[in-house]
Amino acid sequence: MEQLFLQLEAFNALLWGYGGVFCIAVFGILLSIQSKWMQIRKFKDTALLFWDTLLQATRPKSAVVDTSPGTSPLKAFFASVGGCIGIGNLVTISIAIKIGGPGALVWIWLVAFLAMILKYAEIYLGIKFRVPNGKNSYNGGPMYFLGKAFPKFPALPFIMAFFLCIYGVEIFVFSVIKDTLVHNWSLPPLAVMVGLIGLIVLGLSGGVRRMGTISGLLIPLFVSIFCLMTTWVLIENITQIPAMFGLIFRSAFSGHAAVGGFVGSTFLIVLAKGFSAAAYSGDVGIGYASIIQSEARAKSPQDQAGLSIFGIFVDTFIVCTATVLLVVITGVWKEPIGGEMMVQMALSQYFPYMEYFMPVFLFTLGYTTILPYFFAGMKAAQFMSPTYGGRIYACYGFIAFVVFSFYDNRFALTIMNIAGGMLMLINIPALYKLRHHIVFSVPKKN
């Protein structure tokens, strides 16, 4: 199994070090040019759009019930963001720094900047080409616009759906939650797995509305607590901050030497880990976000797509950056420990009872990630087979959760990264091919 992991990891490095860099950099830059660098010009408007959408959702309910198809724009947004902001921001980013070195942060930033326009395009097209599903909602996503982009390749939507089914079963996050609860609280592994699966079934039963409600409550709380704790650690080490940023920028272009028993990183590995970690954390070019947000009761595609620019900013430039600065300034990235323990070890140097706090923290974050991923995978399975796809996918998903829980979670993360890379290679060129269908505009809010 270890030999298989090494081979898959080598393939993953090539996939993201070359394919990922090319797709995200080239198509991201081309779309940015076409949009006249909308992620910069319209960033203030996207932040105001989010604030206005939030205020509308908190206003007193009208006596007239809105019976139009879909769910509220804010709930669809939070359901989608729930799959981005979570364990990936802590554990996946920590693993990227452990293997690729602190310099991976520079490439994480670059990916996030280009991801803003790629994700905008993906969600816009998902809404533009969505179809009613007869359940007072919509079906959308890459399966529905790939046929418009590449009409001569009718198999592409089904290939995309197949990889989405693999990507939708979040075996990595499930494994991290299980390991954290078992390690910190000495709980029986089987009981933890059964309990998690039961909670997944409960969360999925409410669809996007329930997922949006859960994420809307937990995500802002997570971002606030984690960023406040990280800020405290940085203040305590304020004199080391200049040297830390020097290390980050030096290793971004040169890799870094081996530290202790830690294998040295080449430039390709730094690049691959930065790109794959940022893409995995922000779901860049994967197609998952457009499936979820296609269910929004949006007035126009650009309204819903505009929210994604602000979402990527919070996901990467705030939360992922906080994780990197935390594990680097405390030095835990050089310790011989797993990625799931790095943030806990860093925070435990400054805060007590982390062995109780972190399992709860990671559970809530992982739960909000697993639900929308599984929902998107279910939609992909139903696209492939409307009659049996959902049932087959549910059986496959729950078996995969259990099986991969017995292996090192690095193995699960590599599989997720490879599936995401394959999705990206199909999806991002389609975004560019359909670029003339996209209106790059965000309405101004006062």
Protein backbone atom coordinates (compact mmCIF):
# COMPACT_ATOMS: atom_id res chain seq x y z
CA MET A 1 0.00 0.00 0.00
CA GLU A 2 2.87 2.37 0.78
CA GLN A 3 4.41 1.68 -2.64
CA LEU A 4 1.06 2.37 -4.30
CA PHE A 5 0.78 5.62 -2.34
CA LEU A 6 4.23 6.74 -3.52
CA GLN A 7 3.30 6.05 -7.14
CA LEU A 8 0.01 7.93 -6.83
CA GLU A 9 1.77 10.82 -5.10
CA ALA A 10 4.32 11.00 -7.95
CA PHE A 11 1.46 11.08 -10.49
CA ASN A 12 -0.30 13.74 -8.41
CA ALA A 13 2.85 15.92 -8.43
CA LEU A 14 3.04 15.67 -12.23
CA LEU A 15 -0.72 16.24 -12.64
CA TRP A 16 -0.74 19.40 -10.57
CA GLY A 17 2.83 20.53 -11.22
CA TYR A 18 2.16 20.65 -14.97
CA GLY A 19 -1.55 20.20 -15.76
CA GLY A 20 -2.79 22.16 -12.76
CA VAL A 21 -0.34 25.00 -13.26
CA PHE A 22 -1.16 25.24 -16.97
CA CYS A 23 -4.96 25.16 -16.61
CA ILE A 24 -5.24 27.52 -13.65
CA ALA A 25 -2.51 29.94 -14.75
CA VAL A 26 -3.22 30.14 -18.49
CA PHE A 27 -7.02 30.02 -18.49
CA GLY A 28 -7.21 32.04 -15.28
CA ILE A 29 -5.10 34.82 -16.80
CA LEU A 30 -7.02 34.75 -20.11
CA LEU A 31 -10.39 35.01 -18.34
CA SER A 32 -9.01 37.71 -16.05
CA ILE A 33 -7.95 39.74 -19.08
CA GLN A 34 -11.36 39.28 -20.71
CA SER A 35 -13.06 40.40 -17.48
CA LYS A 36 -10.65 43.36 -17.26
CA TRP A 37 -9.35 41.95 -13.97
CA MET A 38 -12.77 41.93 -12.41
CA GLN A 39 -11.48 40.32 -9.19
CA ILE A 40 -9.60 43.58 -8.53
CA ARG A 41 -11.96 46.14 -10.08
CA LYS A 42 -15.11 44.70 -8.54
CA PHE A 43 -13.82 43.32 -5.25
CA LYS A 44 -15.43 46.09 -3.21
CA ASP A 45 -18.73 45.49 -5.01
CA THR A 46 -18.58 41.74 -4.29
CA ALA A 47 -18.03 42.44 -0.58
CA LEU A 48 -20.98 44.86 -0.57
CA LEU A 49 -23.05 42.30 -2.51
CA PHE A 50 -22.37 39.72 0.21
CA TRP A 51 -23.29 42.22 2.92
CA ASP A 52 -26.51 43.19 1.13
CA THR A 53 -27.45 39.52 0.63
CA LEU A 54 -26.79 38.88 4.32
CA LEU A 55 -28.97 41.84 5.36
CA GLN A 56 -31.82 40.72 3.11
CA ALA A 57 -31.76 37.25 4.67
CA THR A 58 -31.96 38.69 8.21
CA ARG A 59 -34.86 41.07 7.53
CA PRO A 60 -38.33 40.14 8.85
CA LYS A 61 -40.11 37.62 6.65
CA SER A 62 -42.72 38.95 4.26
CA ALA A 63 -46.29 37.79 4.65
CA VAL A 64 -46.15 36.72 1.01
CA VAL A 65 -44.37 33.38 0.70
CA ASP A 66 -41.91 33.12 -2.18
CA THR A 67 -42.83 29.93 -4.05
CA SER A 68 -40.37 30.37 -6.91
CA PRO A 69 -38.06 27.38 -7.50
CA GLY A 70 -34.77 27.01 -5.68
CA THR A 71 -33.39 28.02 -2.31
CA SER A 72 -32.28 31.42 -1.03
CA PRO A 73 -29.07 32.84 -2.54
CA LEU A 74 -27.41 33.11 0.88
CA LYS A 75 -28.15 29.51 1.86
CA ALA A 76 -26.89 28.24 -1.49
CA PHE A 77 -23.74 30.33 -1.03
CA PHE A 78 -23.10 29.08 2.51
CA ALA A 79 -23.79 25.47 1.50
CA SER A 80 -21.14 25.85 -1.20
CA VAL A 81 -18.68 27.68 1.08
CA GLY A 82 -19.18 24.96 3.68
CA GLY A 83 -17.36 22.61 1.32
CA CYS A 84 -14.47 25.08 0.99
CA ILE A 85 -13.91 26.55 4.45
CA GLY A 86 -13.21 23.64 6.71
CA ILE A 87 -10.66 20.94 7.43
CA GLY A 88 -8.99 21.58 4.07
CA ASN A 89 -8.02 25.05 5.27
CA LEU A 90 -6.29 23.59 8.31
CA VAL A 91 -5.12 20.05 7.57
CA THR A 92 -4.65 20.10 3.78
CA ILE A 93 -2.80 23.40 3.89
CA SER A 94 -0.64 22.12 6.78
CA ILE A 95 0.26 19.02 4.77
CA ALA A 96 1.13 21.21 1.77
CA ILE A 97 3.52 23.24 3.93
CA LYS A 98 4.98 20.10 5.52
CA ILE A 99 5.78 18.54 2.13
CA GLY A 100 6.20 21.59 -0.10
CA GLY A 101 7.60 23.97 2.51
CA PRO A 102 6.50 27.49 3.55
CA GLY A 103 6.95 28.77 -0.01
CA ALA A 104 3.79 26.92 -1.06
CA LEU A 105 1.87 29.87 0.42
CA VAL A 106 2.97 32.13 -2.45
CA TRP A 107 1.47 29.73 -5.00
CA ILE A 108 -1.64 29.32 -2.83
CA TRP A 109 -2.13 33.10 -3.11
CA LEU A 110 -1.62 33.05 -6.87
CA VAL A 111 -4.14 30.24 -7.31
CA ALA A 112 -6.66 32.07 -5.12
CA PHE A 113 -6.32 35.26 -7.15
CA LEU A 114 -7.00 33.43 -10.43
CA ALA A 115 -9.56 31.17 -8.76
CA MET A 116 -11.80 34.15 -8.11
CA ILE A 117 -12.50 34.60 -11.83
CA LEU A 118 -12.56 30.85 -12.60
CA LYS A 119 -15.13 30.19 -9.90
CA TYR A 120 -17.19 33.18 -10.97
CA ALA A 121 -17.28 31.76 -14.51
CA GLU A 122 -18.14 28.27 -13.30
CA ILE A 123 -21.07 29.37 -11.13
CA TYR A 124 -22.33 31.78 -13.80
CA LEU A 125 -22.43 29.00 -16.42
CA GLY A 126 -23.96 26.55 -13.93
CA ILE A 127 -26.90 28.90 -13.39
CA LYS A 128 -27.19 29.97 -17.04
CA PHE A 129 -27.47 26.39 -18.32
CA ARG A 130 -29.32 24.79 -15.40
CA VAL A 131 -32.62 22.93 -15.91
CA PRO A 132 -35.70 22.55 -13.66
CA ASN A 133 -35.74 19.17 -11.92
CA GLY A 134 -39.44 18.85 -11.07
CA LYS A 135 -38.72 19.19 -7.31
CA ASN A 136 -39.19 22.96 -7.14
CA SER A 137 -35.49 23.40 -7.74
CA TYR A 138 -32.81 23.06 -10.43
CA ASN A 139 -30.08 20.75 -11.68
CA GLY A 140 -26.94 22.47 -12.89
CA GLY A 141 -23.19 22.24 -13.00
CA PRO A 142 -20.56 21.13 -15.50
CA MET A 143 -22.56 18.10 -16.65
CA TYR A 144 -25.05 20.56 -18.16
CA PHE A 145 -22.70 23.07 -19.78
CA LEU A 146 -19.97 20.69 -21.01
CA GLY A 147 -22.26 19.59 -23.83
CA LYS A 148 -22.56 23.22 -24.93
CA ALA A 149 -18.77 23.67 -24.83
CA PHE A 150 -17.79 20.42 -26.56
CA PRO A 151 -20.81 19.14 -28.53
CA LYS A 152 -18.61 16.71 -30.49
CA PHE A 153 -17.66 14.84 -27.30
CA PRO A 154 -20.96 13.64 -25.77
CA ALA A 155 -19.14 11.35 -23.31
CA LEU A 156 -17.46 14.27 -21.49
CA PRO A 157 -20.42 15.11 -19.20
CA PHE A 158 -20.54 11.48 -18.06
CA ILE A 159 -16.76 11.35 -17.49
CA MET A 160 -17.09 14.54 -15.44
CA ALA A 161 -19.96 13.02 -13.46
CA PHE A 162 -17.90 9.88 -12.79
CA PHE A 163 -14.99 11.83 -11.29
CA LEU A 164 -17.43 14.01 -9.35
CA CYS A 165 -18.82 10.83 -7.79
CA ILE A 166 -15.30 9.96 -6.58
CA TYR A 167 -14.60 13.53 -5.44
CA GLY A 168 -17.97 13.81 -3.70
CA VAL A 169 -17.14 11.11 -1.15
CA GLU A 170 -14.87 13.14 1.14
CA ILE A 171 -12.81 10.20 2.41
CA PHE A 172 -10.00 12.50 3.55
CA VAL A 173 -12.15 14.70 5.81
CA PHE A 174 -14.04 11.68 7.15
CA SER A 175 -10.72 10.00 8.01
CA VAL A 176 -9.36 13.13 9.72
CA ILE A 177 -12.49 13.48 11.89
CA LYS A 178 -12.36 9.81 12.87
CA ASP A 179 -8.64 9.89 13.69
CA THR A 180 -8.95 13.10 15.71
CA LEU A 181 -11.84 11.83 17.84
CA VAL A 182 -10.22 8.43 18.38
CA HIS A 183 -6.77 9.89 19.16
CA ASN A 184 -7.88 12.65 21.53
CA TRP A 185 -10.84 11.06 23.26
CA SER A 186 -9.99 7.34 22.97
CA LEU A 187 -13.35 6.54 21.38
CA PRO A 188 -14.03 3.21 19.61
CA PRO A 189 -13.30 3.70 15.87
CA LEU A 190 -16.35 1.73 14.73
CA ALA A 191 -18.71 3.74 16.94
CA VAL A 192 -17.26 7.00 15.60
CA MET A 193 -17.70 5.88 11.99
CA VAL A 194 -21.31 4.73 12.52
CA GLY A 195 -22.17 7.95 14.32
CA LEU A 196 -20.66 10.10 11.56
CA ILE A 197 -22.52 8.22 8.83
CA GLY A 198 -25.78 8.68 10.74
CA LEU A 199 -25.21 12.42 11.01
CA ILE A 200 -24.39 12.62 7.29
CA VAL A 201 -27.70 10.96 6.41
CA LEU A 202 -29.52 13.39 8.73
CA GLY A 203 -27.83 16.44 7.21
CA LEU A 204 -28.41 15.35 3.62
CA SER A 205 -32.13 14.79 4.18
CA GLY A 206 -32.74 18.56 4.24
CA GLY A 207 -31.00 19.29 0.93
CA VAL A 208 -29.27 22.59 0.15
CA ARG A 209 -31.52 24.54 2.52
CA ARG A 210 -30.47 22.56 5.59
CA MET A 211 -26.81 22.49 4.53
CA GLY A 212 -26.92 26.25 4.03
CA THR A 213 -28.43 26.77 7.47
CA ILE A 214 -25.81 24.57 9.16
CA SER A 215 -22.90 26.21 7.34
CA GLY A 216 -24.33 29.70 7.85
CA LEU A 217 -24.23 29.16 11.61
CA LEU A 218 -20.89 27.37 11.90
CA ILE A 219 -18.64 28.97 9.25
CA PRO A 220 -18.67 32.58 10.58
CA LEU A 221 -18.06 31.24 14.09
CA PHE A 222 -15.10 29.14 12.87
CA VAL A 223 -13.49 31.97 10.92
CA SER A 224 -13.79 34.36 13.87
CA ILE A 225 -12.40 32.00 16.52
CA PHE A 226 -9.55 30.64 14.43
CA CYS A 227 -8.40 34.03 13.16
CA LEU A 228 -8.50 35.55 16.65
CA MET A 229 -6.41 32.69 18.06
CA THR A 230 -3.90 32.93 15.20
CA THR A 231 -3.64 36.70 15.63
CA TRP A 232 -2.80 36.21 19.30
CA VAL A 233 0.00 33.75 18.42
CA LEU A 234 1.41 36.15 15.81
CA ILE A 235 1.39 39.03 18.31
CA GLU A 236 3.28 36.84 20.78
CA ASN A 237 5.92 36.20 18.09
CA ILE A 238 5.87 39.61 16.42
CA THR A 239 9.66 39.91 16.26
CA GLN A 240 9.89 36.72 14.15
CA ILE A 241 7.39 37.82 11.50
CA PRO A 242 9.91 39.49 9.09
CA ALA A 243 12.15 36.39 9.10
CA MET A 244 9.10 34.16 8.55
CA PHE A 245 8.03 36.06 5.43
CA GLY A 246 11.62 35.98 4.18
CA LEU A 247 11.58 32.18 4.48
CA ILE A 248 8.21 31.98 2.69
CA PHE A 249 9.33 33.99 -0.34
CA ARG A 250 12.77 32.36 -0.57
CA SER A 251 11.45 28.81 -0.54
CA ALA A 252 8.64 29.65 -3.01
CA PHE A 253 11.14 29.74 -5.88
CA SER A 254 13.88 27.43 -4.65
CA GLY A 255 12.19 24.69 -2.63
CA HIS A 256 13.83 23.98 0.69
CA ALA A 257 16.40 21.64 2.14
CA ALA A 258 15.60 18.64 4.28
CA VAL A 259 14.88 19.47 7.93
CA GLY A 260 15.66 16.66 10.37
CA GLY A 261 13.94 13.53 9.11
CA PHE A 262 11.86 15.58 6.71
CA VAL A 263 12.44 15.06 2.97
CA GLY A 264 13.64 18.13 1.10
CA SER A 265 11.32 19.75 -1.43
CA THR A 266 12.03 20.57 -5.06
CA PHE A 267 10.51 23.55 -6.85
CA LEU A 268 8.05 21.24 -8.67
CA ILE A 269 6.80 19.84 -5.37
CA VAL A 270 6.42 23.34 -3.89
CA LEU A 271 4.47 24.37 -6.98
CA ALA A 272 2.33 21.21 -7.06
CA LYS A 273 1.51 21.34 -3.35
CA GLY A 274 0.67 25.05 -3.49
CA PHE A 275 -1.59 24.65 -6.52
CA SER A 276 -3.30 21.42 -5.41
CA ALA A 277 -3.82 22.58 -1.82
CA ALA A 278 -5.34 25.90 -2.88
CA ALA A 279 -7.48 24.24 -5.55
CA TYR A 280 -8.65 21.56 -3.11
CA SER A 281 -9.37 24.10 -0.37
CA GLY A 282 -11.24 26.49 -2.69
CA ASP A 283 -12.65 23.85 -5.08
CA VAL A 284 -11.10 25.66 -8.03
CA GLY A 285 -12.35 24.42 -11.37
CA ILE A 286 -13.77 21.24 -9.83
CA GLY A 287 -17.41 21.88 -10.73
CA TYR A 288 -18.78 21.19 -7.27
CA ALA A 289 -19.66 24.83 -6.50
CA SER A 290 -21.76 25.29 -9.63
CA ILE A 291 -23.81 22.17 -8.79
CA ILE A 292 -24.68 23.53 -5.34
CA GLN A 293 -25.21 27.17 -6.28
CA SER A 294 -27.27 26.31 -9.36
CA GLU A 295 -30.10 25.69 -6.90
CA ALA A 296 -30.10 29.35 -5.82
CA ARG A 297 -33.18 31.48 -6.35
CA ALA A 298 -30.93 34.10 -7.96
CA LYS A 299 -32.21 37.19 -9.80
CA SER A 300 -29.32 36.93 -12.25
CA PRO A 301 -26.30 34.62 -12.71
CA GLN A 302 -23.84 37.42 -11.94
CA ASP A 303 -25.45 38.10 -8.55
CA GLN A 304 -24.82 34.56 -7.33
CA ALA A 305 -21.48 34.20 -9.11
CA GLY A 306 -20.29 37.51 -7.64
CA LEU A 307 -20.57 36.11 -4.13
CA SER A 308 -17.94 33.49 -5.02
CA ILE A 309 -15.21 36.13 -5.37
CA PHE A 310 -15.72 37.21 -1.78
CA GLY A 311 -15.94 33.55 -0.71
CA ILE A 312 -12.53 32.73 -2.21
CA PHE A 313 -11.03 35.78 -0.49
CA VAL A 314 -12.20 34.58 2.93
CA ASP A 315 -11.32 30.96 2.23
CA THR A 316 -7.74 31.52 1.05
CA PHE A 317 -6.44 34.99 1.78
CA ILE A 318 -7.75 34.90 5.35
CA VAL A 319 -8.18 31.33 6.63
CA CYS A 320 -5.53 29.44 4.62
CA THR A 321 -3.01 32.23 5.17
CA ALA A 322 -3.71 32.13 8.91
CA THR A 323 -3.00 28.37 8.94
CA VAL A 324 0.33 28.75 7.14
CA LEU A 325 1.51 31.61 9.35
CA LEU A 326 0.50 29.65 12.45
CA VAL A 327 2.36 26.41 11.62
CA VAL A 328 5.43 28.25 10.31
CA ILE A 329 5.86 30.77 13.13
CA THR A 330 5.51 28.06 15.77
CA GLY A 331 7.88 25.71 13.90
CA VAL A 332 5.49 22.73 13.96
CA TRP A 333 5.79 22.29 10.17
CA LYS A 334 9.23 20.75 10.85
CA GLU A 335 7.92 18.28 13.44
CA PRO A 336 7.46 14.57 12.53
CA ILE A 337 3.68 14.62 13.01
CA GLY A 338 0.66 14.20 10.76
CA GLY A 339 -1.03 17.18 9.14
CA GLU A 340 -4.17 16.67 11.22
CA MET A 341 -2.18 17.36 14.41
CA MET A 342 -0.12 20.37 13.27
CA VAL A 343 -2.65 23.12 14.02
CA GLN A 344 -3.54 21.49 17.33
CA MET A 345 0.12 21.32 18.37
CA ALA A 346 0.71 24.93 17.31
CA LEU A 347 -2.27 26.26 19.25
CA SER A 348 -1.57 24.08 22.30
CA GLN A 349 1.64 26.05 22.85
CA TYR A 350 -0.49 29.09 23.70
CA PHE A 351 -3.95 27.82 24.67
CA PRO A 352 -4.96 25.07 27.13
CA TYR A 353 -7.33 22.15 26.54
CA MET A 354 -6.67 21.90 22.80
CA GLU A 355 -7.10 18.12 23.03
CA TYR A 356 -10.77 18.81 23.85
CA PHE A 357 -11.30 21.85 21.65
CA MET A 358 -9.75 20.65 18.37
CA PRO A 359 -11.80 17.44 17.95
CA VAL A 360 -15.01 19.46 18.30
CA PHE A 361 -13.59 22.14 16.03
CA LEU A 362 -12.54 19.69 13.30
CA PHE A 363 -15.78 17.75 13.59
CA THR A 364 -17.96 20.80 12.98
CA LEU A 365 -15.76 21.95 10.10
CA GLY A 366 -15.58 18.50 8.54
CA TYR A 367 -19.31 17.97 8.84
CA THR A 368 -20.06 21.16 6.88
CA THR A 369 -17.62 19.94 4.20
CA ILE A 370 -18.80 16.33 3.86
CA LEU A 371 -22.47 17.24 3.37
CA PRO A 372 -22.27 19.47 0.25
CA TYR A 373 -19.59 17.26 -1.32
CA PHE A 374 -21.75 14.17 -0.93
CA PHE A 375 -24.79 16.08 -2.21
CA ALA A 376 -22.88 17.15 -5.35
CA GLY A 377 -21.69 13.58 -5.89
CA MET A 378 -25.27 12.36 -5.53
CA LYS A 379 -26.41 14.83 -8.19
CA ALA A 380 -23.65 13.58 -10.51
CA ALA A 381 -24.68 9.96 -9.93
CA GLN A 382 -28.31 10.80 -10.66
CA PHE A 383 -27.21 12.50 -13.88
CA MET A 384 -25.54 9.23 -14.95
CA SER A 385 -28.52 7.11 -13.91
CA PRO A 386 -31.70 8.92 -12.81
CA THR A 387 -33.29 5.67 -11.59
CA TYR A 388 -30.50 3.86 -9.74
CA GLY A 389 -27.66 6.38 -9.52
CA GLY A 390 -28.58 7.80 -6.12
CA ARG A 391 -28.89 4.43 -4.39
CA ILE A 392 -25.71 3.00 -5.90
CA TYR A 393 -23.80 6.15 -4.97
CA ALA A 394 -25.03 6.10 -1.36
CA CYS A 395 -23.87 2.48 -0.95
CA TYR A 396 -20.51 3.22 -2.56
CA GLY A 397 -20.02 6.36 -0.47
CA PHE A 398 -20.65 4.78 2.92
CA ILE A 399 -18.44 1.77 2.09
CA ALA A 400 -15.63 4.12 0.95
CA PHE A 401 -15.89 6.14 4.16
CA VAL A 402 -15.36 3.03 6.27
CA VAL A 403 -12.65 1.39 4.12
CA PHE A 404 -10.41 4.46 3.80
CA SER A 405 -10.71 5.18 7.51
CA PHE A 406 -8.31 2.28 8.11
CA TYR A 407 -5.53 3.81 5.98
CA ASP A 408 -3.25 6.78 6.48
CA ASN A 409 -5.27 9.87 5.55
CA ARG A 410 -2.43 10.97 3.21
CA PHE A 411 -3.61 8.19 0.90
CA ALA A 412 -7.17 9.54 0.92
CA LEU A 413 -5.95 13.09 0.28
CA THR A 414 -3.89 11.95 -2.72
CA ILE A 415 -6.92 10.22 -4.24
CA MET A 416 -9.02 13.35 -3.71
CA ASN A 417 -6.32 15.52 -5.31
CA ILE A 418 -6.04 13.23 -8.34
CA ALA A 419 -9.82 13.16 -8.82
CA GLY A 420 -9.89 16.94 -8.48
CA GLY A 421 -7.07 17.29 -10.99
CA MET A 422 -8.92 15.21 -13.56
CA LEU A 423 -12.08 17.27 -13.04
CA MET A 424 -10.09 20.47 -13.45
CA LEU A 425 -8.55 19.32 -16.75
CA ILE A 426 -12.05 18.79 -18.16
CA ASN A 427 -13.89 21.70 -16.57
CA ILE A 428 -11.56 24.70 -16.86
CA PRO A 429 -11.15 24.50 -20.68
CA ALA A 430 -14.97 24.43 -20.91
CA LEU A 431 -15.16 27.66 -18.92
CA TYR A 432 -12.87 29.32 -21.43
CA LYS A 433 -14.70 27.83 -24.42
CA LEU A 434 -17.99 29.32 -23.13
CA ARG A 435 -16.47 32.65 -22.09
CA HIS A 436 -18.64 34.63 -24.51
CA HIS A 437 -21.74 33.47 -22.62
CA ILE A 438 -20.45 35.06 -19.40
CA VAL A 439 -21.24 38.61 -18.28
CA PHE A 440 -18.41 39.79 -16.01
CA SER A 441 -20.27 42.28 -13.89
CA VAL A 442 -21.40 42.72 -10.29
CA PRO A 443 -24.18 45.21 -9.51
CA LYS A 444 -23.14 48.08 -7.27
CA LYS A 445 -24.64 48.21 -3.80
CA ASN A 446 -24.86 51.28 -1.62
